[in-house]
Amino acid sequence: MSNTPYNSEEDATLGDIGLREIGKTWAGDWDTQDYRVSPLFGDNSNLPDTLIFVGGEELFYDDINKFVDKLKKDGVNAKLSVGEGMFHIYPVFPISESNQVVGEIQEYLNE
């Protein structure tokens, strides 16, 4: 079995090797399973309703799905929106899918 994360070859904006190095720098002296480094390991029960966007081809796809599941287990009303065929941070790029995200945010806020 490979250590290569899901979508590591497909994500146009992130690479798994560089991301690991950035992660080590970000964590500093903290354990990577410290909630201050990764919200996967924290108590999220006090978070408000949350809408999360992820690209279907994103390097973080699996972790984001795990995080959404964790939010729900922590009692947070969490909604995940998957941009099929999209990459990390696709909503900030000047592409038509970004307009769809803006519409989805407006709908979510009006609910």
N, C-alpha and C. Protein backbone atom coordinates (compact mmCIF):
# COMPACT_ATOMS: atom_id res chain seq x y z
N MET A 1 0.83 -1.17 0.00
CA MET A 1 0.00 0.00 0.00
C MET A 1 0.89 1.25 0.00
N SER A 2 0.52 2.24 -0.76
CA SER A 2 1.28 3.46 -0.91
C SER A 2 1.00 4.45 0.22
N ASN A 3 1.98 5.29 0.53
CA ASN A 3 1.78 6.38 1.47
C ASN A 3 1.26 7.63 0.78
N THR A 4 1.02 7.56 -0.52
CA THR A 4 0.53 8.71 -1.27
C THR A 4 -0.93 8.94 -0.94
N PRO A 5 -1.25 10.16 -0.49
CA PRO A 5 -2.64 10.46 -0.15
C PRO A 5 -3.54 10.45 -1.38
N TYR A 6 -4.82 10.20 -1.13
CA TYR A 6 -5.81 10.27 -2.18
C TYR A 6 -5.72 11.61 -2.88
N ASN A 7 -5.81 11.61 -4.18
CA ASN A 7 -5.82 12.82 -5.01
C ASN A 7 -4.50 13.57 -5.06
N SER A 8 -3.42 13.00 -4.58
CA SER A 8 -2.17 13.75 -4.55
C SER A 8 -1.68 14.09 -5.96
N GLU A 9 -2.02 13.30 -6.92
CA GLU A 9 -1.61 13.58 -8.30
C GLU A 9 -2.59 14.49 -9.01
N GLU A 10 -3.84 14.54 -8.56
CA GLU A 10 -4.87 15.29 -9.25
C GLU A 10 -4.97 16.74 -8.85
N ASP A 11 -4.59 17.09 -7.61
CA ASP A 11 -4.76 18.44 -7.11
C ASP A 11 -3.75 19.37 -7.79
N ALA A 12 -4.27 20.35 -8.51
CA ALA A 12 -3.43 21.26 -9.28
C ALA A 12 -2.73 22.30 -8.42
N THR A 13 -3.12 22.44 -7.15
CA THR A 13 -2.57 23.51 -6.33
C THR A 13 -1.72 23.02 -5.16
N LEU A 14 -1.82 21.75 -4.80
CA LEU A 14 -1.08 21.22 -3.66
C LEU A 14 -0.34 19.95 -4.04
N GLY A 15 0.81 19.75 -3.43
CA GLY A 15 1.55 18.51 -3.57
C GLY A 15 1.78 17.91 -2.20
N ASP A 16 1.72 16.60 -2.09
CA ASP A 16 1.80 15.99 -0.76
C ASP A 16 3.16 16.15 -0.11
N ILE A 17 4.25 16.13 -0.85
CA ILE A 17 5.58 16.25 -0.24
C ILE A 17 5.78 17.65 0.33
N GLY A 18 5.52 18.67 -0.46
CA GLY A 18 5.66 20.04 0.02
C GLY A 18 4.71 20.35 1.16
N LEU A 19 3.51 19.80 1.07
CA LEU A 19 2.52 20.04 2.10
C LEU A 19 2.94 19.43 3.44
N ARG A 20 3.57 18.27 3.39
CA ARG A 20 4.08 17.66 4.64
C ARG A 20 5.12 18.56 5.31
N GLU A 21 5.99 19.15 4.49
CA GLU A 21 7.03 20.03 5.04
C GLU A 21 6.40 21.30 5.62
N ILE A 22 5.43 21.86 4.94
CA ILE A 22 4.73 23.03 5.46
C ILE A 22 4.02 22.67 6.76
N GLY A 23 3.42 21.49 6.80
CA GLY A 23 2.74 21.03 8.01
C GLY A 23 3.66 20.93 9.20
N LYS A 24 4.88 20.42 8.97
CA LYS A 24 5.86 20.32 10.05
C LYS A 24 6.24 21.71 10.56
N THR A 25 6.43 22.63 9.63
CA THR A 25 6.76 24.00 10.02
C THR A 25 5.61 24.62 10.79
N TRP A 26 4.40 24.43 10.31
CA TRP A 26 3.20 24.97 10.97
C TRP A 26 3.08 24.43 12.40
N ALA A 27 3.29 23.13 12.55
CA ALA A 27 3.13 22.50 13.87
C ALA A 27 4.21 22.94 14.84
N GLY A 28 5.40 23.21 14.33
CA GLY A 28 6.49 23.60 15.23
C GLY A 28 6.75 22.51 16.25
N ASP A 29 6.69 22.87 17.52
CA ASP A 29 6.95 21.91 18.60
C ASP A 29 5.70 21.13 19.01
N TRP A 30 4.56 21.49 18.47
CA TRP A 30 3.32 20.81 18.83
C TRP A 30 3.20 19.47 18.10
N ASP A 31 2.56 18.54 18.74
CA ASP A 31 2.24 17.25 18.13
C ASP A 31 1.25 17.50 16.99
N THR A 32 1.42 16.77 15.91
CA THR A 32 0.50 16.98 14.77
C THR A 32 -0.92 16.55 15.07
N GLN A 33 -1.12 15.85 16.19
CA GLN A 33 -2.48 15.49 16.59
C GLN A 33 -3.01 16.43 17.67
N ASP A 34 -2.37 17.55 17.85
CA ASP A 34 -2.85 18.59 18.75
C ASP A 34 -3.98 19.34 18.01
N TYR A 35 -5.05 19.63 18.71
CA TYR A 35 -6.19 20.29 18.08
C TYR A 35 -5.82 21.66 17.51
N ARG A 36 -4.77 22.29 18.03
CA ARG A 36 -4.35 23.59 17.50
C ARG A 36 -3.67 23.46 16.15
N VAL A 37 -3.24 22.26 15.82
CA VAL A 37 -2.64 21.99 14.52
C VAL A 37 -3.69 21.44 13.56
N SER A 38 -4.53 20.55 14.05
CA SER A 38 -5.56 19.95 13.21
C SER A 38 -6.89 19.89 13.96
N PRO A 39 -7.93 20.49 13.41
CA PRO A 39 -9.24 20.46 14.07
C PRO A 39 -9.85 19.06 14.13
N LEU A 40 -9.25 18.10 13.44
CA LEU A 40 -9.72 16.72 13.53
C LEU A 40 -9.61 16.17 14.95
N PHE A 41 -8.72 16.76 15.74
CA PHE A 41 -8.42 16.22 17.06
C PHE A 41 -8.96 17.08 18.21
N GLY A 42 -9.79 18.05 17.88
CA GLY A 42 -10.31 18.93 18.91
C GLY A 42 -11.78 18.72 19.21
N ASP A 43 -12.25 19.44 20.21
CA ASP A 43 -13.66 19.47 20.55
C ASP A 43 -14.29 20.60 19.75
N ASN A 44 -15.14 20.26 18.83
CA ASN A 44 -15.77 21.23 17.95
C ASN A 44 -17.22 21.51 18.31
N SER A 45 -17.63 21.04 19.47
CA SER A 45 -19.05 21.09 19.83
C SER A 45 -19.62 22.50 19.95
N ASN A 46 -18.79 23.50 20.11
CA ASN A 46 -19.28 24.87 20.24
C ASN A 46 -19.26 25.65 18.93
N LEU A 47 -18.93 24.98 17.84
CA LEU A 47 -18.91 25.68 16.56
C LEU A 47 -20.34 25.92 16.06
N PRO A 48 -20.54 27.00 15.34
CA PRO A 48 -21.87 27.27 14.77
C PRO A 48 -22.10 26.39 13.53
N ASP A 49 -23.28 26.51 12.94
CA ASP A 49 -23.54 25.82 11.67
C ASP A 49 -22.38 26.12 10.73
N THR A 50 -21.98 25.11 9.98
CA THR A 50 -20.77 25.23 9.18
C THR A 50 -20.99 24.69 7.78
N LEU A 51 -20.58 25.46 6.78
CA LEU A 51 -20.61 25.06 5.39
C LEU A 51 -19.17 24.97 4.91
N ILE A 52 -18.80 23.81 4.39
CA ILE A 52 -17.43 23.57 3.95
C ILE A 52 -17.43 23.19 2.48
N PHE A 53 -16.52 23.79 1.73
CA PHE A 53 -16.34 23.47 0.32
C PHE A 53 -15.05 22.69 0.15
N VAL A 54 -15.10 21.67 -0.69
CA VAL A 54 -13.91 20.88 -0.99
C VAL A 54 -13.95 20.52 -2.48
N GLY A 55 -12.77 20.52 -3.08
CA GLY A 55 -12.67 20.07 -4.46
C GLY A 55 -12.65 18.55 -4.51
N GLY A 56 -13.35 17.99 -5.46
CA GLY A 56 -13.38 16.54 -5.60
C GLY A 56 -12.02 15.94 -5.95
N GLU A 57 -11.12 16.76 -6.46
CA GLU A 57 -9.77 16.31 -6.81
C GLU A 57 -8.74 16.87 -5.83
N GLU A 58 -9.20 17.32 -4.68
CA GLU A 58 -8.34 17.99 -3.73
C GLU A 58 -7.55 17.02 -2.86
N LEU A 59 -6.34 17.39 -2.57
CA LEU A 59 -5.47 16.58 -1.71
C LEU A 59 -6.08 16.36 -0.33
N PHE A 60 -6.78 17.36 0.20
CA PHE A 60 -7.39 17.28 1.52
C PHE A 60 -8.76 16.59 1.53
N TYR A 61 -9.20 16.08 0.40
CA TYR A 61 -10.56 15.55 0.27
C TYR A 61 -10.91 14.56 1.40
N ASP A 62 -10.08 13.58 1.62
CA ASP A 62 -10.37 12.57 2.65
C ASP A 62 -10.40 13.19 4.05
N ASP A 63 -9.43 14.05 4.35
CA ASP A 63 -9.39 14.68 5.67
C ASP A 63 -10.59 15.60 5.88
N ILE A 64 -11.00 16.29 4.85
CA ILE A 64 -12.16 17.17 4.99
C ILE A 64 -13.42 16.36 5.24
N ASN A 65 -13.55 15.24 4.58
CA ASN A 65 -14.70 14.36 4.85
C ASN A 65 -14.67 13.86 6.29
N LYS A 66 -13.49 13.49 6.78
CA LYS A 66 -13.36 13.06 8.17
C LYS A 66 -13.74 14.19 9.13
N PHE A 67 -13.32 15.42 8.78
CA PHE A 67 -13.62 16.56 9.63
C PHE A 67 -15.13 16.83 9.67
N VAL A 68 -15.78 16.74 8.54
CA VAL A 68 -17.23 16.95 8.51
C VAL A 68 -17.92 15.88 9.36
N ASP A 69 -17.48 14.64 9.25
CA ASP A 69 -18.04 13.57 10.09
C ASP A 69 -17.82 13.88 11.57
N LYS A 70 -16.63 14.38 11.91
CA LYS A 70 -16.32 14.73 13.30
C LYS A 70 -17.21 15.87 13.77
N LEU A 71 -17.40 16.87 12.93
CA LEU A 71 -18.28 17.97 13.30
C LEU A 71 -19.68 17.45 13.63
N LYS A 72 -20.18 16.58 12.79
CA LYS A 72 -21.52 16.04 13.01
C LYS A 72 -21.58 15.23 14.31
N LYS A 73 -20.54 14.44 14.57
CA LYS A 73 -20.48 13.68 15.83
C LYS A 73 -20.42 14.61 17.03
N ASP A 74 -19.81 15.78 16.84
CA ASP A 74 -19.72 16.78 17.91
C ASP A 74 -20.99 17.62 18.02
N GLY A 75 -22.01 17.29 17.23
CA GLY A 75 -23.30 17.98 17.30
C GLY A 75 -23.39 19.26 16.49
N VAL A 76 -22.44 19.47 15.59
CA VAL A 76 -22.45 20.66 14.75
C VAL A 76 -23.26 20.38 13.49
N ASN A 77 -24.11 21.31 13.11
CA ASN A 77 -24.84 21.21 11.86
C ASN A 77 -23.87 21.58 10.74
N ALA A 78 -23.30 20.56 10.11
CA ALA A 78 -22.27 20.76 9.09
C ALA A 78 -22.76 20.29 7.74
N LYS A 79 -22.47 21.08 6.73
CA LYS A 79 -22.83 20.73 5.35
C LYS A 79 -21.56 20.76 4.51
N LEU A 80 -21.39 19.73 3.69
CA LEU A 80 -20.23 19.63 2.80
C LEU A 80 -20.69 19.82 1.36
N SER A 81 -19.99 20.67 0.64
CA SER A 81 -20.26 20.88 -0.78
C SER A 81 -19.01 20.47 -1.55
N VAL A 82 -19.16 19.50 -2.45
CA VAL A 82 -18.03 18.98 -3.22
C VAL A 82 -18.07 19.54 -4.63
N GLY A 83 -17.00 20.21 -5.01
CA GLY A 83 -16.85 20.68 -6.38
C GLY A 83 -16.24 19.57 -7.20
N GLU A 84 -17.09 18.83 -7.90
CA GLU A 84 -16.60 17.68 -8.67
C GLU A 84 -15.54 18.12 -9.69
N GLY A 85 -14.43 17.40 -9.70
CA GLY A 85 -13.35 17.70 -10.62
C GLY A 85 -12.52 18.92 -10.25
N MET A 86 -12.82 19.52 -9.09
CA MET A 86 -12.14 20.75 -8.69
C MET A 86 -10.96 20.45 -7.76
N PHE A 87 -10.13 21.44 -7.55
CA PHE A 87 -8.89 21.37 -6.79
C PHE A 87 -9.02 22.23 -5.53
N HIS A 88 -7.97 22.20 -4.69
CA HIS A 88 -7.94 22.98 -3.44
C HIS A 88 -8.16 24.46 -3.72
N ILE A 89 -8.91 25.11 -2.90
CA ILE A 89 -9.28 26.53 -2.94
C ILE A 89 -9.87 26.99 -4.28
N TYR A 90 -10.52 26.08 -4.99
CA TYR A 90 -11.11 26.45 -6.28
C TYR A 90 -12.10 27.62 -6.19
N PRO A 91 -12.80 27.81 -5.07
CA PRO A 91 -13.76 28.93 -5.04
C PRO A 91 -13.13 30.31 -5.18
N VAL A 92 -11.82 30.45 -4.92
CA VAL A 92 -11.21 31.78 -5.03
C VAL A 92 -10.63 32.06 -6.41
N PHE A 93 -10.71 31.10 -7.31
CA PHE A 93 -10.21 31.30 -8.66
C PHE A 93 -11.29 31.91 -9.55
N PRO A 94 -10.91 32.70 -10.55
CA PRO A 94 -11.90 33.31 -11.45
C PRO A 94 -12.42 32.31 -12.49
N ILE A 95 -13.20 31.35 -12.01
CA ILE A 95 -13.77 30.32 -12.87
C ILE A 95 -15.28 30.24 -12.60
N SER A 96 -16.02 29.66 -13.52
CA SER A 96 -17.48 29.62 -13.38
C SER A 96 -17.93 28.90 -12.11
N GLU A 97 -17.17 27.91 -11.66
CA GLU A 97 -17.52 27.18 -10.44
C GLU A 97 -17.52 28.09 -9.22
N SER A 98 -16.72 29.15 -9.26
CA SER A 98 -16.71 30.12 -8.16
C SER A 98 -18.05 30.81 -8.03
N ASN A 99 -18.66 31.14 -9.15
CA ASN A 99 -19.97 31.77 -9.13
C ASN A 99 -21.01 30.84 -8.51
N GLN A 100 -20.89 29.57 -8.79
CA GLN A 100 -21.80 28.59 -8.20
C GLN A 100 -21.64 28.55 -6.68
N VAL A 101 -20.40 28.66 -6.21
CA VAL A 101 -20.12 28.67 -4.78
C VAL A 101 -20.78 29.88 -4.12
N VAL A 102 -20.65 31.04 -4.75
CA VAL A 102 -21.25 32.26 -4.19
C VAL A 102 -22.76 32.07 -4.07
N GLY A 103 -23.38 31.49 -5.09
CA GLY A 103 -24.82 31.22 -5.02
C GLY A 103 -25.17 30.26 -3.91
N GLU A 104 -24.36 29.24 -3.73
CA GLU A 104 -24.61 28.26 -2.68
C GLU A 104 -24.46 28.88 -1.29
N ILE A 105 -23.49 29.76 -1.14
CA ILE A 105 -23.32 30.46 0.14
C ILE A 105 -24.53 31.34 0.43
N GLN A 106 -25.01 32.03 -0.58
CA GLN A 106 -26.19 32.88 -0.40
C GLN A 106 -27.40 32.05 0.02
N GLU A 107 -27.60 30.91 -0.64
CA GLU A 107 -28.71 30.02 -0.27
C GLU A 107 -28.56 29.54 1.17
N TYR A 108 -27.35 29.15 1.53
CA TYR A 108 -27.09 28.63 2.87
C TYR A 108 -27.39 29.69 3.94
N LEU A 109 -26.97 30.91 3.67
CA LEU A 109 -27.19 31.99 4.63
C LEU A 109 -28.67 32.38 4.74
N ASN A 110 -29.42 32.14 3.68
CA ASN A 110 -30.84 32.47 3.69
C ASN A 110 -31.71 31.37 4.27
N GLU A 111 -31.13 30.21 4.57
CA GLU A 111 -31.90 29.11 5.13
C GLU A 111 -32.31 29.39 6.56
